[in-house]
Amino acid sequence: MSETHEIASDRLRATVRAQGGELIALADANGPALWNGGPDWPRHAPVLFPIVGRLTDDTLIHEGRSYRLTQHGFARDSLFTWVERSTDRAVLELRESPETLAIYPFRFVLQMIYAVADDTLTVTSRVSNPADVPLICGVGAHPAFLWPLTEDIAKEAHRLTFPQAEPGQGLGVEAGLLGPAIPLPFSGTDLPLDENLFVNDAIVIPDTVNRSVRFAALDGSGRESRALTVSWEGYKDLGIWSKPTGAPFLCIEPWFSMASPIGWQGEIAEKPGILRLAPGESRDFVWRATL
């Protein structure tokens, strides 16, 4: 069976692959919008599960036992199985295995559901607990969009615009762990973009009040030359990231859960912001890209 599958509407086409259950292409009539996974960063839109970010010492502690679980978890490097493939929808699934149980002692079902309609791609991470004990996890999206969105507009002529200003502070990132609170670099509801924003890693907005953001390239008169909107449901945190080395992508990342705070190490069930699913419970986490 083919490793990749394309879905399309009259205005949009997307390609997903079984390896990582990952979106690897997204384009409309104006061309590609998703990063191509080049040498600056080999991924496109990795699936973050069963953790988001890093754990202290890359160590998960559950019921007094320690397990080595590295940054963002194993889903992004796992082979998913195809559940459904049609012209406008694809569903892939990952379940626990002896290999995952050796590093993450929970049973789970993770489905990645991709669908296109008109000018919008909808991506659903459906996390289910098939066990008779709680499932403790984090889940996140990590799509990397082209930055610049068009070749003739400088990266500095791009901005993120939120429906409302974020009232709280952000969190710094140090060696992959959450640092102290930092001011968010907003100008009202806009976040002007510059590579220097990411010198110290991602901008993290915990418990964001917004549920969407517009990413736009502005021409010389300040009008949008090309833009897309990312929206989300179920997620509660947001990461914004790029490499400060001239890498031509910007990641807009809805999350549920974040990295461990610096100095924190304890039982995974007690980790700040972690997700807890009861036996038999299922929950959907959705993000959309509208081009």
C-alpha atoms as a PDB file:
ATOM      1  CA  MET A   1       0.000   0.000   0.000  1.00  0.00           C
ATOM      2  CA  SER A   2       1.306   3.440  -0.915  1.00  0.00           C
ATOM      3  CA  GLU A   3       3.004   5.354   1.891  1.00  0.00           C
ATOM      4  CA  THR A   4       1.460   8.666   0.776  1.00  0.00           C
ATOM      5  CA  HIS A   5      -2.026   9.788  -0.182  1.00  0.00           C
ATOM      6  CA  GLU A   6      -3.292  13.047  -1.683  1.00  0.00           C
ATOM      7  CA  ILE A   7      -6.639  14.599  -0.828  1.00  0.00           C
ATOM      8  CA  ALA A   8      -8.095  17.583  -2.639  1.00  0.00           C
ATOM      9  CA  SER A   9     -10.958  20.013  -3.055  1.00  0.00           C
ATOM     10  CA  ASP A  10     -11.572  22.425  -5.899  1.00  0.00           C
ATOM     11  CA  ARG A  11      -9.275  24.945  -4.178  1.00  0.00           C
ATOM     12  CA  LEU A  12      -6.833  22.957  -2.086  1.00  0.00           C
ATOM     13  CA  ARG A  13      -4.739  19.817  -2.137  1.00  0.00           C
ATOM     14  CA  ALA A  14      -2.822  18.113   0.632  1.00  0.00           C
ATOM     15  CA  THR A  15      -0.597  15.055   0.934  1.00  0.00           C
ATOM     16  CA  VAL A  16      -0.217  12.892   4.029  1.00  0.00           C
ATOM     17  CA  ARG A  17       2.029   9.928   4.672  1.00  0.00           C
ATOM     18  CA  ALA A  18       1.948   6.851   6.872  1.00  0.00           C
ATOM     19  CA  GLN A  19       5.387   7.540   8.332  1.00  0.00           C
ATOM     20  CA  GLY A  20       4.666   9.792  11.288  1.00  0.00           C
ATOM     21  CA  GLY A  21       1.001  10.144  10.232  1.00  0.00           C
ATOM     22  CA  GLU A  22       2.237  13.469   8.913  1.00  0.00           C
ATOM     23  CA  LEU A  23       0.981  16.161   6.568  1.00  0.00           C
ATOM     24  CA  ILE A  24       3.810  16.669   4.067  1.00  0.00           C
ATOM     25  CA  ALA A  25       2.314  19.038   1.457  1.00  0.00           C
ATOM     26  CA  LEU A  26      -0.366  21.725   1.310  1.00  0.00           C
ATOM     27  CA  ALA A  27      -0.990  23.990  -1.658  1.00  0.00           C
ATOM     28  CA  ASP A  28      -3.582  26.103  -3.430  1.00  0.00           C
ATOM     29  CA  ALA A  29      -3.613  27.965  -6.756  1.00  0.00           C
ATOM     30  CA  ASN A  30      -0.897  30.282  -5.428  1.00  0.00           C
ATOM     31  CA  GLY A  31       1.472  27.392  -4.848  1.00  0.00           C
ATOM     32  CA  PRO A  32       2.815  25.548  -1.795  1.00  0.00           C
ATOM     33  CA  ALA A  33       2.082  26.869   1.697  1.00  0.00           C
ATOM     34  CA  LEU A  34       3.794  24.153   3.756  1.00  0.00           C
ATOM     35  CA  TRP A  35       7.545  23.836   4.316  1.00  0.00           C
ATOM     36  CA  ASN A  36       9.105  21.159   2.131  1.00  0.00           C
ATOM     37  CA  GLY A  37      11.166  19.423   4.795  1.00  0.00           C
ATOM     38  CA  GLY A  38      14.531  20.596   3.470  1.00  0.00           C
ATOM     39  CA  PRO A  39      17.963  20.502   5.134  1.00  0.00           C
ATOM     40  CA  ASP A  40      17.190  23.354   7.552  1.00  0.00           C
ATOM     41  CA  TRP A  41      14.645  21.070   9.245  1.00  0.00           C
ATOM     42  CA  PRO A  42      13.681  17.648   7.892  1.00  0.00           C
ATOM     43  CA  ARG A  43      10.044  17.664   9.035  1.00  0.00           C
ATOM     44  CA  HIS A  44       6.855  19.263   7.689  1.00  0.00           C
ATOM     45  CA  ALA A  45       4.081  19.077  10.301  1.00  0.00           C
ATOM     46  CA  PRO A  46       5.037  16.440  12.875  1.00  0.00           C
ATOM     47  CA  VAL A  47       2.471  14.906  15.217  1.00  0.00           C
ATOM     48  CA  LEU A  48       3.399  15.512  18.866  1.00  0.00           C
ATOM     49  CA  PHE A  49       2.365  12.592  21.094  1.00  0.00           C
ATOM     50  CA  PRO A  50       2.418  11.370  23.858  1.00  0.00           C
ATOM     51  CA  ILE A  51       4.266  14.451  25.097  1.00  0.00           C
ATOM     52  CA  VAL A  52       4.753  17.989  23.869  1.00  0.00           C
ATOM     53  CA  GLY A  53       8.247  19.414  24.305  1.00  0.00           C
ATOM     54  CA  ARG A  54      10.826  17.847  26.592  1.00  0.00           C
ATOM     55  CA  LEU A  55      10.621  16.158  29.941  1.00  0.00           C
ATOM     56  CA  THR A  56      13.350  16.884  32.473  1.00  0.00           C
ATOM     57  CA  ASP A  57      16.293  14.588  31.653  1.00  0.00           C
ATOM     58  CA  ASP A  58      14.050  13.056  28.950  1.00  0.00           C
ATOM     59  CA  THR A  59      12.593  10.947  31.749  1.00  0.00           C
ATOM     60  CA  LEU A  60       8.950   9.987  32.289  1.00  0.00           C
ATOM     61  CA  ILE A  61       8.129   8.838  35.823  1.00  0.00           C
ATOM     62  CA  HIS A  62       5.009   6.737  36.373  1.00  0.00           C
ATOM     63  CA  GLU A  63       4.203   4.932  39.607  1.00  0.00           C
ATOM     64  CA  GLY A  64       7.800   5.315  40.704  1.00  0.00           C
ATOM     65  CA  ARG A  65       9.356   3.804  37.565  1.00  0.00           C
ATOM     66  CA  SER A  66      11.434   5.788  35.089  1.00  0.00           C
ATOM     67  CA  TYR A  67      11.164   5.578  31.292  1.00  0.00           C
ATOM     68  CA  ARG A  68      13.273   7.348  28.681  1.00  0.00           C
ATOM     69  CA  LEU A  69      10.979   9.403  26.422  1.00  0.00           C
ATOM     70  CA  THR A  70      12.581  12.022  24.206  1.00  0.00           C
ATOM     71  CA  GLN A  71      11.337  15.389  22.966  1.00  0.00           C
ATOM     72  CA  HIS A  72       7.807  15.479  21.487  1.00  0.00           C
ATOM     73  CA  GLY A  73       7.380  11.726  21.912  1.00  0.00           C
ATOM     74  CA  PHE A  74       7.460   8.873  19.409  1.00  0.00           C
ATOM     75  CA  ALA A  75       4.418   9.387  17.155  1.00  0.00           C
ATOM     76  CA  ARG A  76       6.304  11.615  14.720  1.00  0.00           C
ATOM     77  CA  ASP A  77       8.763   8.757  14.059  1.00  0.00           C
ATOM     78  CA  SER A  78       6.244   5.893  14.058  1.00  0.00           C
ATOM     79  CA  LEU A  79       4.593   4.125  11.137  1.00  0.00           C
ATOM     80  CA  PHE A  80       0.819   4.652  11.194  1.00  0.00           C
ATOM     81  CA  THR A  81      -1.640   2.315   9.521  1.00  0.00           C
ATOM     82  CA  TRP A  82      -4.218   3.475   6.980  1.00  0.00           C
ATOM     83  CA  VAL A  83      -7.833   3.343   8.158  1.00  0.00           C
ATOM     84  CA  GLU A  84      -9.504   5.305   5.371  1.00  0.00           C
ATOM     85  CA  ARG A  85      -8.421   6.899   2.094  1.00  0.00           C
ATOM     86  CA  SER A  86     -10.735   8.812  -0.209  1.00  0.00           C
ATOM     87  CA  THR A  87     -10.525  11.808  -2.519  1.00  0.00           C
ATOM     88  CA  ASP A  88     -11.027  14.352   0.261  1.00  0.00           C
ATOM     89  CA  ARG A  89     -10.300  12.503   3.509  1.00  0.00           C
ATOM     90  CA  ALA A  90      -7.587  10.282   4.996  1.00  0.00           C
ATOM     91  CA  VAL A  91      -7.468   8.566   8.382  1.00  0.00           C
ATOM     92  CA  LEU A  92      -4.381   6.971   9.929  1.00  0.00           C
ATOM     93  CA  GLU A  93      -4.002   5.178  13.249  1.00  0.00           C
ATOM     94  CA  LEU A  94      -1.304   4.399  15.793  1.00  0.00           C
ATOM     95  CA  ARG A  95      -1.731   2.074  18.808  1.00  0.00           C
ATOM     96  CA  GLU A  96       0.519   0.955  21.602  1.00  0.00           C
ATOM     97  CA  SER A  97       3.038  -1.785  20.882  1.00  0.00           C
ATOM     98  CA  PRO A  98       5.694  -3.615  22.874  1.00  0.00           C
ATOM     99  CA  GLU A  99       8.141  -0.947  21.682  1.00  0.00           C
ATOM    100  CA  THR A 100       6.010   1.983  22.885  1.00  0.00           C
ATOM    101  CA  LEU A 101       5.112   0.295  26.185  1.00  0.00           C
ATOM    102  CA  ALA A 102       8.822  -0.022  26.954  1.00  0.00           C
ATOM    103  CA  ILE A 103       9.167   3.791  26.963  1.00  0.00           C
ATOM    104  CA  TYR A 104       5.584   4.925  27.685  1.00  0.00           C
ATOM    105  CA  PRO A 105       3.557   2.574  29.919  1.00  0.00           C
ATOM    106  CA  PHE A 106       0.065   3.397  28.659  1.00  0.00           C
ATOM    107  CA  ARG A 107      -2.308   1.878  26.146  1.00  0.00           C
ATOM    108  CA  PHE A 108      -3.723   4.345  23.615  1.00  0.00           C
ATOM    109  CA  VAL A 109      -5.315   4.826  20.211  1.00  0.00           C
ATOM    110  CA  LEU A 110      -4.248   7.873  18.215  1.00  0.00           C
ATOM    111  CA  GLN A 111      -6.070   8.618  14.961  1.00  0.00           C
ATOM    112  CA  MET A 112      -4.993  11.377  12.596  1.00  0.00           C
ATOM    113  CA  ILE A 113      -7.923  12.526  10.459  1.00  0.00           C
ATOM    114  CA  TYR A 114      -7.247  14.802   7.486  1.00  0.00           C
ATOM    115  CA  ALA A 115     -10.054  16.372   5.450  1.00  0.00           C
ATOM    116  CA  VAL A 116     -10.278  19.135   2.850  1.00  0.00           C
ATOM    117  CA  ALA A 117     -13.309  21.192   1.899  1.00  0.00           C
ATOM    118  CA  ASP A 118     -13.274  24.345  -0.206  1.00  0.00           C
ATOM    119  CA  ASP A 119     -10.254  26.388   0.958  1.00  0.00           C
ATOM    120  CA  THR A 120      -9.713  24.665   4.323  1.00  0.00           C
ATOM    121  CA  LEU A 121      -7.705  21.696   5.564  1.00  0.00           C
ATOM    122  CA  THR A 122      -8.952  20.223   8.855  1.00  0.00           C
ATOM    123  CA  VAL A 123      -6.603  18.057  10.916  1.00  0.00           C
ATOM    124  CA  THR A 124      -8.017  16.120  13.868  1.00  0.00           C
ATOM    125  CA  SER A 125      -5.935  14.260  16.434  1.00  0.00           C
ATOM    126  CA  ARG A 126      -8.350  11.830  18.111  1.00  0.00           C
ATOM    127  CA  VAL A 127      -6.909  10.381  21.305  1.00  0.00           C
ATOM    128  CA  SER A 128      -8.738   7.429  22.886  1.00  0.00           C
ATOM    129  CA  ASN A 129      -8.105   5.453  26.041  1.00  0.00           C
ATOM    130  CA  PRO A 130      -8.869   1.731  25.554  1.00  0.00           C
ATOM    131  CA  ALA A 131      -7.547   0.777  28.994  1.00  0.00           C
ATOM    132  CA  ASP A 132      -9.192   0.513  32.392  1.00  0.00           C
ATOM    133  CA  VAL A 133      -6.786   3.025  33.954  1.00  0.00           C
ATOM    134  CA  PRO A 134      -6.362   6.743  33.116  1.00  0.00           C
ATOM    135  CA  LEU A 135      -4.340   7.731  30.052  1.00  0.00           C
ATOM    136  CA  ILE A 136      -1.844  10.514  30.813  1.00  0.00           C
ATOM    137  CA  CYS A 137      -0.481  12.332  27.786  1.00  0.00           C
ATOM    138  CA  GLY A 138       0.073  15.499  25.834  1.00  0.00           C
ATOM    139  CA  VAL A 139      -0.860  16.140  22.199  1.00  0.00           C
ATOM    140  CA  GLY A 140       0.215  18.862  19.814  1.00  0.00           C
ATOM    141  CA  ALA A 141       0.430  20.057  16.225  1.00  0.00           C
ATOM    142  CA  HIS A 142       3.617  21.421  14.651  1.00  0.00           C
ATOM    143  CA  PRO A 143       2.860  22.613  11.082  1.00  0.00           C
ATOM    144  CA  ALA A 144       5.638  24.591   9.400  1.00  0.00           C
ATOM    145  CA  PHE A 145       4.432  27.181   6.890  1.00  0.00           C
ATOM    146  CA  LEU A 146       6.596  28.854   4.299  1.00  0.00           C
ATOM    147  CA  TRP A 147       8.177  32.076   5.555  1.00  0.00           C
ATOM    148  CA  PRO A 148       8.225  34.083   3.378  1.00  0.00           C
ATOM    149  CA  LEU A 149       4.858  33.044   1.979  1.00  0.00           C
ATOM    150  CA  THR A 150       5.884  34.541  -1.369  1.00  0.00           C
ATOM    151  CA  GLU A 151       9.437  34.859  -2.628  1.00  0.00           C
ATOM    152  CA  ASP A 152       9.192  38.561  -3.494  1.00  0.00           C
ATOM    153  CA  ILE A 153       8.265  39.704   0.033  1.00  0.00           C
ATOM    154  CA  ALA A 154      10.841  39.909   2.829  1.00  0.00           C
ATOM    155  CA  LYS A 155      10.395  37.850   5.986  1.00  0.00           C
ATOM    156  CA  GLU A 156      10.212  41.069   8.020  1.00  0.00           C
ATOM    157  CA  ALA A 157       7.166  42.148   5.969  1.00  0.00           C
ATOM    158  CA  HIS A 158       5.105  39.354   7.538  1.00  0.00           C
ATOM    159  CA  ARG A 159       2.986  39.433  10.676  1.00  0.00           C
ATOM    160  CA  LEU A 160       0.745  37.307  12.832  1.00  0.00           C
ATOM    161  CA  THR A 161      -2.574  38.937  13.728  1.00  0.00           C
ATOM    162  CA  PHE A 162      -4.757  37.585  16.539  1.00  0.00           C
ATOM    163  CA  PRO A 163      -8.463  38.378  17.062  1.00  0.00           C
ATOM    164  CA  GLN A 164      -7.642  39.829  20.487  1.00  0.00           C
ATOM    165  CA  ALA A 165      -4.590  40.752  22.502  1.00  0.00           C
ATOM    166  CA  GLU A 166      -3.193  38.084  24.815  1.00  0.00           C
ATOM    167  CA  PRO A 167      -3.569  39.435  28.365  1.00  0.00           C
ATOM    168  CA  GLY A 168      -0.930  37.277  30.025  1.00  0.00           C
ATOM    169  CA  GLN A 169       2.764  36.673  29.644  1.00  0.00           C
ATOM    170  CA  GLY A 170       4.649  34.140  27.598  1.00  0.00           C
ATOM    171  CA  LEU A 171       7.122  31.536  28.760  1.00  0.00           C
ATOM    172  CA  GLY A 172      10.758  31.333  27.795  1.00  0.00           C
ATOM    173  CA  VAL A 173      12.421  28.116  26.655  1.00  0.00           C
ATOM    174  CA  GLU A 174      15.836  27.032  27.910  1.00  0.00           C
ATOM    175  CA  ALA A 175      17.409  23.793  26.647  1.00  0.00           C
ATOM    176  CA  GLY A 176      13.948  22.624  25.619  1.00  0.00           C
ATOM    177  CA  LEU A 177      12.384  23.216  29.054  1.00  0.00           C
ATOM    178  CA  LEU A 178      10.028  25.987  30.133  1.00  0.00           C
ATOM    179  CA  GLY A 179      11.763  28.963  31.685  1.00  0.00           C
ATOM    180  CA  PRO A 180      10.432  31.995  33.549  1.00  0.00           C
ATOM    181  CA  ALA A 181       7.650  34.249  32.310  1.00  0.00           C
ATOM    182  CA  ILE A 182       8.575  36.755  29.593  1.00  0.00           C
ATOM    183  CA  PRO A 183       6.707  39.662  27.998  1.00  0.00           C
ATOM    184  CA  LEU A 184       4.974  38.757  24.753  1.00  0.00           C
ATOM    185  CA  PRO A 185       6.308  40.817  21.807  1.00  0.00           C
ATOM    186  CA  PHE A 186       2.877  41.977  20.646  1.00  0.00           C
ATOM    187  CA  SER A 187       1.946  45.301  19.147  1.00  0.00           C
ATOM    188  CA  GLY A 188      -1.738  45.329  20.029  1.00  0.00           C
ATOM    189  CA  THR A 189      -3.140  42.236  18.353  1.00  0.00           C
ATOM    190  CA  ASP A 190      -0.217  41.976  15.903  1.00  0.00           C
ATOM    191  CA  LEU A 191       3.000  40.039  16.317  1.00  0.00           C
ATOM    192  CA  PRO A 192       5.517  41.496  13.832  1.00  0.00           C
ATOM    193  CA  LEU A 193       7.836  38.762  12.642  1.00  0.00           C
ATOM    194  CA  ASP A 194      11.611  38.789  12.697  1.00  0.00           C
ATOM    195  CA  GLU A 195      14.150  35.978  12.897  1.00  0.00           C
ATOM    196  CA  ASN A 196      15.540  37.473  16.126  1.00  0.00           C
ATOM    197  CA  LEU A 197      12.317  36.540  17.904  1.00  0.00           C
ATOM    198  CA  PHE A 198      13.508  32.932  17.955  1.00  0.00           C
ATOM    199  CA  VAL A 199      17.102  33.356  19.125  1.00  0.00           C
ATOM    200  CA  ASN A 200      16.160  31.681  22.422  1.00  0.00           C
ATOM    201  CA  ASP A 201      13.826  29.066  20.894  1.00  0.00           C
ATOM    202  CA  ALA A 202      10.023  29.186  20.679  1.00  0.00           C
ATOM    203  CA  ILE A 203       7.554  31.796  21.876  1.00  0.00           C
ATOM    204  CA  VAL A 204       5.157  29.933  24.167  1.00  0.00           C
ATOM    205  CA  ILE A 205       1.697  31.275  25.053  1.00  0.00           C
ATOM    206  CA  PRO A 206       0.089  29.182  27.806  1.00  0.00           C
ATOM    207  CA  ASP A 207      -3.701  29.016  28.069  1.00  0.00           C
ATOM    208  CA  THR A 208      -4.128  31.300  25.070  1.00  0.00           C
ATOM    209  CA  VAL A 209      -7.380  33.274  24.916  1.00  0.00           C
ATOM    210  CA  ASN A 210      -7.285  33.169  21.110  1.00  0.00           C
ATOM    211  CA  ARG A 211      -8.397  30.257  18.959  1.00  0.00           C
ATOM    212  CA  SER A 212      -7.073  31.515  15.628  1.00  0.00           C
ATOM    213  CA  VAL A 213      -4.309  33.585  14.081  1.00  0.00           C
ATOM    214  CA  ARG A 214      -3.763  35.069  10.620  1.00  0.00           C
ATOM    215  CA  PHE A 215      -0.332  34.769   9.014  1.00  0.00           C
ATOM    216  CA  ALA A 216       0.130  37.343   6.256  1.00  0.00           C
ATOM    217  CA  ALA A 217       2.753  38.669   3.861  1.00  0.00           C
ATOM    218  CA  LEU A 218       2.357  42.404   3.321  1.00  0.00           C
ATOM    219  CA  ASP A 219       3.249  44.281   0.131  1.00  0.00           C
ATOM    220  CA  GLY A 220       4.859  47.718   0.017  1.00  0.00           C
ATOM    221  CA  SER A 221       1.551  49.446   0.729  1.00  0.00           C
ATOM    222  CA  GLY A 222       0.808  47.245   3.763  1.00  0.00           C
ATOM    223  CA  ARG A 223      -1.853  45.158   2.032  1.00  0.00           C
ATOM    224  CA  GLU A 224      -1.931  41.384   2.214  1.00  0.00           C
ATOM    225  CA  SER A 225      -0.153  39.785  -0.712  1.00  0.00           C
ATOM    226  CA  ARG A 226      -0.761  36.241   0.534  1.00  0.00           C
ATOM    227  CA  ALA A 227      -2.215  35.017   3.811  1.00  0.00           C
ATOM    228  CA  LEU A 228      -3.559  32.005   5.642  1.00  0.00           C
ATOM    229  CA  THR A 229      -5.493  31.518   8.857  1.00  0.00           C
ATOM    230  CA  VAL A 230      -4.752  28.814  11.411  1.00  0.00           C
ATOM    231  CA  SER A 231      -7.547  28.026  13.894  1.00  0.00           C
ATOM    232  CA  TRP A 232      -7.887  25.362  16.563  1.00  0.00           C
ATOM    233  CA  GLU A 233     -10.277  23.625  18.958  1.00  0.00           C
ATOM    234  CA  GLY A 234      -9.498  21.501  22.017  1.00  0.00           C
ATOM    235  CA  TYR A 235      -5.941  22.744  22.329  1.00  0.00           C
ATOM    236  CA  LYS A 236      -5.181  25.273  25.061  1.00  0.00           C
ATOM    237  CA  ASP A 237      -1.572  26.406  24.508  1.00  0.00           C
ATOM    238  CA  LEU A 238       0.296  27.845  21.529  1.00  0.00           C
ATOM    239  CA  GLY A 239       3.887  27.695  20.396  1.00  0.00           C
ATOM    240  CA  ILE A 240       5.417  29.841  17.646  1.00  0.00           C
ATOM    241  CA  TRP A 241       8.823  28.776  16.402  1.00  0.00           C
ATOM    242  CA  SER A 242      11.416  29.038  13.689  1.00  0.00           C
ATOM    243  CA  LYS A 243      15.132  28.514  13.530  1.00  0.00           C
ATOM    244  CA  PRO A 244      17.024  31.821  13.953  1.00  0.00           C
ATOM    245  CA  THR A 245      19.368  30.839  11.135  1.00  0.00           C
ATOM    246  CA  GLY A 246      17.445  32.077   8.122  1.00  0.00           C
ATOM    247  CA  ALA A 247      15.359  28.913   7.824  1.00  0.00           C
ATOM    248  CA  PRO A 248      12.395  29.729   5.538  1.00  0.00           C
ATOM    249  CA  PHE A 249       9.529  28.433   7.687  1.00  0.00           C
ATOM    250  CA  LEU A 250       7.343  29.493  10.597  1.00  0.00           C
ATOM    251  CA  CYS A 251       5.685  26.933  12.875  1.00  0.00           C
ATOM    252  CA  ILE A 252       2.278  27.774  14.372  1.00  0.00           C
ATOM    253  CA  GLU A 253       1.696  25.067  16.975  1.00  0.00           C
ATOM    254  CA  PRO A 254      -1.505  24.469  18.960  1.00  0.00           C
ATOM    255  CA  TRP A 255      -0.772  22.257  21.965  1.00  0.00           C
ATOM    256  CA  PHE A 256      -2.409  20.579  24.922  1.00  0.00           C
ATOM    257  CA  SER A 257       0.457  20.342  27.418  1.00  0.00           C
ATOM    258  CA  MET A 258       3.943  21.801  27.201  1.00  0.00           C
ATOM    259  CA  ALA A 259       7.515  20.979  28.158  1.00  0.00           C
ATOM    260  CA  SER A 260       8.477  20.453  31.781  1.00  0.00           C
ATOM    261  CA  PRO A 261       9.232  23.633  33.746  1.00  0.00           C
ATOM    262  CA  ILE A 262      12.910  24.016  34.614  1.00  0.00           C
ATOM    263  CA  GLY A 263      13.546  22.252  37.903  1.00  0.00           C
ATOM    264  CA  TRP A 264      10.373  20.163  37.806  1.00  0.00           C
ATOM    265  CA  GLN A 265      10.521  16.388  37.842  1.00  0.00           C
ATOM    266  CA  GLY A 266       7.857  14.110  39.199  1.00  0.00           C
ATOM    267  CA  GLU A 267       5.076  11.710  38.344  1.00  0.00           C
ATOM    268  CA  ILE A 268       3.769  12.308  34.811  1.00  0.00           C
ATOM    269  CA  ALA A 269       0.201  12.442  36.181  1.00  0.00           C
ATOM    270  CA  GLU A 270       1.213  15.485  38.252  1.00  0.00           C
ATOM    271  CA  LYS A 271       2.965  17.365  35.454  1.00  0.00           C
ATOM    272  CA  PRO A 272       1.547  20.899  35.063  1.00  0.00           C
ATOM    273  CA  GLY A 273      -0.938  21.139  32.180  1.00  0.00           C
ATOM    274  CA  ILE A 274      -0.976  17.427  31.342  1.00  0.00           C
ATOM    275  CA  LEU A 275      -4.004  15.715  29.745  1.00  0.00           C
ATOM    276  CA  ARG A 276      -5.831  12.989  31.628  1.00  0.00           C
ATOM    277  CA  LEU A 277      -8.336  10.728  29.838  1.00  0.00           C
ATOM    278  CA  ALA A 278     -10.588   8.421  31.817  1.00  0.00           C
ATOM    279  CA  PRO A 279     -10.978   4.752  30.811  1.00  0.00           C
ATOM    280  CA  GLY A 280     -12.980   4.593  27.591  1.00  0.00           C
ATOM    281  CA  GLU A 281     -12.760   8.354  27.025  1.00  0.00           C
ATOM    282  CA  SER A 282     -11.933   9.862  23.623  1.00  0.00           C
ATOM    283  CA  ARG A 283     -11.129  13.471  22.840  1.00  0.00           C
ATOM    284  CA  ASP A 284     -10.596  15.387  19.588  1.00  0.00           C
ATOM    285  CA  PHE A 285      -7.990  18.094  19.057  1.00  0.00           C
ATOM    286  CA  VAL A 286      -8.507  20.036  15.826  1.00  0.00           C
ATOM    287  CA  TRP A 287      -6.517  22.565  13.854  1.00  0.00           C
ATOM    288  CA  ARG A 288      -7.430  24.087  10.510  1.00  0.00           C
ATOM    289  CA  ALA A 289      -5.520  25.921   7.822  1.00  0.00           C
ATOM    290  CA  THR A 290      -7.563  28.171   5.543  1.00  0.00           C
ATOM    291  CA  LEU A 291      -5.701  29.456   2.501  1.00  0.00           C
END
